[in-house]
Amino acid sequence: MAGRPVAAAGEIDQLWVGPGDLESRDVFYGPGGRELVPATDVAYRFKSLDTTGHSGGYEVVDPQDRKWKVKIGDEVGSEIAVSRILWAIGYHQPALYFVPRWRMTGGPKSSPEPGRFRFESDHKKEGDWSFEDNPFVHSQPLHGLLVVNLLLNNWDLKDDNNKIIYVPASGNSVPELRYIISDLGATFGKTGGVFSRNRNSVESFAGSKFVEGVQGGNVRFAYGGKNTGLFKNITLEQTKWIGSWLSRLTVS
């Protein structure tokens, strides 16, 4: 990462935009708002099975021909919660929803398990991005993104979970590229080795450590997941900066 220039302000907007409305953001419904909530009284048309990653799922289409990617399994709750937190403090995230009951036609099941619905019709995937080779290297928002994922015990920080999406112009907005972490399910548990780590476990998460100390102005984090080398040069000031945004979140 050494020697790379810090991203310009316009490039930073592709990763993070300071949320001036943080206190009023609707974290329950997220970036898609109430308007995009998936209907539960309709049948979704099966397109394909998704067999990638830890959790399985489906690609489906609703009666309005809008595409959704549905994830099922033990990552559903943790992924939605982390996505909401990242979006609330300014990081781009797609519209996600938890749907406890829904119907599907043409697929392997007519009444599948509760799922995480991700809206796919408002963007196009352009490829992956790397934590170590991107326009934001050394920037405060990138290091802040890493710190939040550390705080939430994301032990699956790998480049193929990072996506670049293209969002076309809509209304008064202009077309733009956005850099996101698209798979956030391996969170809210315990980091560590293959047999000790877990996900979506409040008990394990509550008992885990976050910071071990500060050395030479850099924070030493208690982390046992993938890509540990990413966290060697995160400064105390950068950690305090992202903490100042997180501190503005409330339970009300």
Protein backbone atom coordinates (compact mmCIF):
# COMPACT_ATOMS: atom_id res chain seq x y z
CA MET A 1 0.00 0.00 0.00
CA ALA A 2 2.99 2.33 0.45
CA GLY A 3 3.54 4.94 -2.20
CA ARG A 4 -0.05 5.13 -3.44
CA PRO A 5 -1.64 8.60 -3.50
CA VAL A 6 -4.61 9.43 -1.32
CA ALA A 7 -7.86 9.53 -3.31
CA ALA A 8 -9.25 12.87 -4.47
CA ALA A 9 -12.51 14.10 -2.98
CA GLY A 10 -14.54 13.03 -6.02
CA GLU A 11 -13.14 9.52 -5.82
CA ILE A 12 -13.83 9.29 -2.10
CA ASP A 13 -17.51 9.86 -2.87
CA GLN A 14 -17.50 6.49 -4.62
CA LEU A 15 -16.74 4.85 -1.26
CA TRP A 16 -18.09 7.18 1.40
CA VAL A 17 -20.22 10.32 1.57
CA GLY A 18 -20.44 12.16 4.88
CA PRO A 19 -24.01 11.70 6.13
CA GLY A 20 -25.19 15.16 7.13
CA ASP A 21 -28.55 13.60 7.92
CA LEU A 22 -27.17 10.76 10.05
CA GLU A 23 -29.47 11.33 13.01
CA SER A 24 -32.57 11.25 10.81
CA ARG A 25 -31.62 8.28 8.63
CA ASP A 26 -34.14 5.44 8.71
CA VAL A 27 -31.88 2.60 9.80
CA PHE A 28 -34.83 0.22 10.10
CA TYR A 29 -35.58 0.31 6.36
CA GLY A 30 -32.13 1.35 5.14
CA PRO A 31 -31.13 2.93 1.80
CA GLY A 32 -34.11 1.50 -0.07
CA GLY A 33 -36.59 3.02 2.35
CA ARG A 34 -40.10 1.83 3.06
CA GLU A 35 -40.98 2.12 -0.64
CA LEU A 36 -38.86 -0.87 -1.72
CA VAL A 37 -39.92 -3.30 1.01
CA PRO A 38 -40.55 -6.66 -0.73
CA ALA A 39 -44.22 -7.62 -0.86
CA THR A 40 -45.23 -10.73 1.08
CA ASP A 41 -48.59 -11.25 -0.62
CA VAL A 42 -47.19 -12.03 -4.07
CA ALA A 43 -45.33 -14.93 -5.66
CA TYR A 44 -41.72 -14.44 -6.75
CA ARG A 45 -40.64 -16.17 -9.95
CA PHE A 46 -37.60 -18.41 -9.57
CA LYS A 47 -34.67 -17.66 -11.89
CA SER A 48 -31.73 -19.63 -10.50
CA LEU A 49 -30.10 -21.11 -7.43
CA ASP A 50 -27.23 -19.26 -5.78
CA THR A 51 -24.74 -21.82 -4.50
CA THR A 52 -21.80 -19.49 -3.86
CA GLY A 53 -20.40 -18.69 -0.44
CA HIS A 54 -21.44 -20.00 2.96
CA SER A 55 -25.14 -19.33 2.54
CA GLY A 56 -27.31 -20.55 -0.29
CA GLY A 57 -30.16 -18.69 -1.87
CA TYR A 58 -32.10 -17.80 -4.97
CA GLU A 59 -32.30 -15.23 -7.71
CA VAL A 60 -35.95 -14.28 -8.17
CA VAL A 61 -38.13 -11.75 -9.97
CA ASP A 62 -41.19 -10.06 -8.49
CA PRO A 63 -44.46 -9.38 -10.38
CA GLN A 64 -43.05 -5.98 -11.44
CA ASP A 65 -40.09 -7.73 -13.14
CA ARG A 66 -37.69 -6.39 -10.53
CA LYS A 67 -34.73 -8.63 -9.67
CA TRP A 68 -33.92 -9.73 -6.12
CA LYS A 69 -31.12 -11.87 -4.74
CA VAL A 70 -32.28 -13.86 -1.73
CA LYS A 71 -29.87 -15.24 0.88
CA ILE A 72 -31.00 -17.81 3.45
CA GLY A 73 -29.30 -19.29 6.49
CA ASP A 74 -27.45 -18.05 9.56
CA GLU A 75 -25.90 -14.97 7.91
CA VAL A 76 -29.18 -13.21 7.18
CA GLY A 77 -29.57 -11.23 10.39
CA SER A 78 -25.94 -10.23 10.83
CA GLU A 79 -25.58 -9.10 7.21
CA ILE A 80 -28.61 -6.82 7.33
CA ALA A 81 -27.57 -5.30 10.67
CA VAL A 82 -24.01 -4.54 9.53
CA SER A 83 -25.22 -3.19 6.19
CA ARG A 84 -27.52 -0.76 8.01
CA ILE A 85 -24.69 0.47 10.24
CA LEU A 86 -22.34 1.04 7.31
CA TRP A 87 -25.01 2.89 5.34
CA ALA A 88 -25.97 5.02 8.34
CA ILE A 89 -22.41 6.37 8.70
CA GLY A 90 -21.96 7.10 4.99
CA TYR A 91 -20.74 3.95 3.23
CA HIS A 92 -22.59 2.85 0.11
CA GLN A 93 -24.78 -0.22 0.50
CA PRO A 94 -27.50 -1.83 -1.63
CA ALA A 95 -31.10 -2.02 -0.48
CA LEU A 96 -31.52 -5.07 1.80
CA TYR A 97 -34.57 -6.36 3.65
CA PHE A 98 -35.49 -9.25 5.93
CA VAL A 99 -38.53 -11.15 4.68
CA PRO A 100 -39.83 -13.75 7.16
CA ARG A 101 -42.48 -15.30 4.89
CA TRP A 102 -42.64 -15.37 1.11
CA ARG A 103 -43.71 -17.54 -1.83
CA MET A 104 -41.86 -18.69 -4.93
CA THR A 105 -43.04 -20.32 -8.16
CA GLY A 106 -41.00 -22.49 -10.51
CA GLY A 107 -38.28 -23.23 -7.98
CA PRO A 108 -37.35 -26.09 -5.67
CA LYS A 109 -39.62 -24.78 -2.90
CA SER A 110 -42.92 -22.93 -2.88
CA SER A 111 -42.48 -21.57 0.67
CA PRO A 112 -38.74 -21.05 1.23
CA GLU A 113 -37.01 -20.13 4.48
CA PRO A 114 -36.92 -16.54 5.75
CA GLY A 115 -34.43 -14.59 3.69
CA ARG A 116 -32.40 -11.49 3.09
CA PHE A 117 -33.72 -9.81 -0.06
CA ARG A 118 -31.21 -7.64 -1.93
CA PHE A 119 -32.58 -5.36 -4.65
CA GLU A 120 -30.67 -5.88 -7.90
CA SER A 121 -32.58 -3.79 -10.46
CA ASP A 122 -31.09 -0.39 -9.61
CA HIS A 123 -27.44 -1.20 -10.30
CA LYS A 124 -25.07 -3.31 -12.36
CA LYS A 125 -21.99 -5.13 -11.10
CA GLU A 126 -18.78 -3.96 -12.76
CA GLY A 127 -16.30 -6.22 -10.99
CA ASP A 128 -14.37 -6.70 -7.74
CA TRP A 129 -12.04 -4.30 -5.95
CA SER A 130 -9.05 -4.97 -3.75
CA PHE A 131 -8.44 -3.60 -0.25
CA GLU A 132 -4.78 -3.04 -1.17
CA ASP A 133 -5.17 -1.66 -4.70
CA ASN A 134 -7.96 0.90 -5.07
CA PRO A 135 -8.43 4.68 -5.45
CA PHE A 136 -8.78 5.18 -1.68
CA VAL A 137 -5.53 3.70 -0.36
CA HIS A 138 -4.28 5.53 2.79
CA SER A 139 -7.53 7.53 3.01
CA GLN A 140 -9.38 8.06 6.25
CA PRO A 141 -12.69 6.62 4.91
CA LEU A 142 -11.03 3.38 3.77
CA HIS A 143 -9.30 2.88 7.10
CA GLY A 144 -12.55 3.81 8.81
CA LEU A 145 -14.34 1.10 6.83
CA LEU A 146 -11.79 -1.44 8.00
CA VAL A 147 -12.14 -0.33 11.62
CA VAL A 148 -15.94 -0.71 11.56
CA ASN A 149 -15.61 -4.21 10.12
CA LEU A 150 -13.09 -5.03 12.84
CA LEU A 151 -15.44 -3.68 15.49
CA LEU A 152 -18.24 -5.88 14.17
CA ASN A 153 -15.92 -8.91 13.95
CA ASN A 154 -16.01 -9.42 10.19
CA TRP A 155 -13.52 -12.27 9.85
CA ASP A 156 -14.18 -12.77 6.12
CA LEU A 157 -12.51 -9.63 4.74
CA LYS A 158 -11.42 -10.78 1.31
CA ASP A 159 -11.34 -9.02 -2.03
CA ASP A 160 -13.96 -11.13 -3.78
CA ASN A 161 -16.51 -9.89 -1.24
CA ASN A 162 -15.90 -6.35 -2.53
CA LYS A 163 -17.92 -5.19 -5.53
CA ILE A 164 -17.88 -2.16 -7.80
CA ILE A 165 -21.40 -1.33 -8.92
CA TYR A 166 -22.64 1.09 -11.54
CA VAL A 167 -25.71 3.11 -10.57
CA PRO A 168 -27.38 4.85 -13.54
CA ALA A 169 -28.78 8.37 -13.39
CA SER A 170 -32.14 8.69 -11.68
CA GLY A 171 -34.10 11.91 -11.18
CA ASN A 172 -31.59 14.65 -10.35
CA SER A 173 -28.72 12.23 -9.69
CA VAL A 174 -25.87 11.52 -12.09
CA PRO A 175 -24.55 8.06 -12.97
CA GLU A 176 -21.81 6.87 -10.64
CA LEU A 177 -19.60 4.00 -9.60
CA ARG A 178 -19.81 2.82 -6.00
CA TYR A 179 -17.39 0.63 -4.08
CA ILE A 180 -19.11 -1.63 -1.57
CA ILE A 181 -18.54 -4.66 0.62
CA SER A 182 -21.35 -6.89 -0.58
CA ASP A 183 -21.02 -9.90 1.74
CA LEU A 184 -21.22 -8.96 5.41
CA GLY A 185 -22.66 -12.13 6.93
CA ALA A 186 -19.52 -13.33 8.74
CA THR A 187 -20.02 -10.74 11.48
CA PHE A 188 -21.40 -10.31 15.00
CA GLY A 189 -19.67 -13.46 16.20
CA LYS A 190 -16.13 -14.48 17.13
CA THR A 191 -13.06 -14.22 14.90
CA GLY A 192 -10.37 -16.87 14.85
CA GLY A 193 -9.54 -20.15 13.14
CA VAL A 194 -11.83 -22.33 11.05
CA PHE A 195 -13.11 -24.25 14.07
CA SER A 196 -13.34 -21.40 16.58
CA ARG A 197 -14.91 -18.55 14.62
CA ASN A 198 -18.64 -18.11 14.18
CA ARG A 199 -21.21 -15.62 12.95
CA ASN A 200 -24.44 -14.08 14.19
CA SER A 201 -23.80 -15.05 17.82
CA VAL A 202 -24.53 -12.31 20.35
CA GLU A 203 -22.83 -14.23 23.16
CA SER A 204 -19.60 -14.73 21.23
CA PHE A 205 -19.58 -11.15 19.99
CA ALA A 206 -20.14 -9.68 23.45
CA GLY A 207 -17.17 -11.62 24.83
CA SER A 208 -14.66 -10.60 22.16
CA LYS A 209 -11.90 -7.98 22.36
CA PHE A 210 -11.52 -5.07 19.96
CA VAL A 211 -8.32 -3.14 20.76
CA GLU A 212 -5.14 -4.44 22.40
CA GLY A 213 -3.29 -1.15 22.57
CA VAL A 214 -1.57 1.68 20.70
CA GLN A 215 2.02 1.58 19.45
CA GLY A 216 3.80 4.35 17.55
CA GLY A 217 0.52 6.13 16.89
CA ASN A 218 -1.04 3.02 15.32
CA VAL A 219 -3.78 0.94 16.94
CA ARG A 220 -3.13 -2.73 17.65
CA PHE A 221 -6.39 -4.55 17.08
CA ALA A 222 -7.48 -7.90 18.51
CA TYR A 223 -8.34 -9.62 15.25
CA GLY A 224 -8.12 -13.22 14.11
CA GLY A 225 -9.73 -13.13 10.67
CA LYS A 226 -8.54 -12.93 7.09
CA ASN A 227 -6.21 -10.22 5.75
CA THR A 228 -4.69 -9.26 9.09
CA GLY A 229 -1.99 -7.27 7.30
CA LEU A 230 -4.56 -4.62 6.37
CA PHE A 231 -4.67 -3.32 9.93
CA LYS A 232 -0.99 -2.65 10.67
CA ASN A 233 -1.02 1.05 9.77
CA ILE A 234 -4.38 2.31 11.00
CA THR A 235 -3.73 5.31 13.18
CA LEU A 236 -5.34 6.31 16.44
CA GLU A 237 -6.66 9.47 14.78
CA GLN A 238 -8.33 7.47 12.01
CA THR A 239 -9.88 5.17 14.58
CA LYS A 240 -11.17 8.14 16.59
CA TRP A 241 -12.53 9.69 13.38
CA ILE A 242 -14.76 6.74 12.51
CA GLY A 243 -15.70 6.42 16.17
CA SER A 244 -17.03 9.98 16.08
CA TRP A 245 -19.47 8.95 13.34
CA LEU A 246 -20.49 5.76 15.11
CA SER A 247 -21.09 7.67 18.35
CA ARG A 248 -23.90 9.59 16.65
CA LEU A 249 -25.97 6.43 16.20
CA THR A 250 -28.67 5.97 18.83
CA VAL A 251 -31.22 3.30 19.70
CA SER A 252 -34.17 5.64 19.22
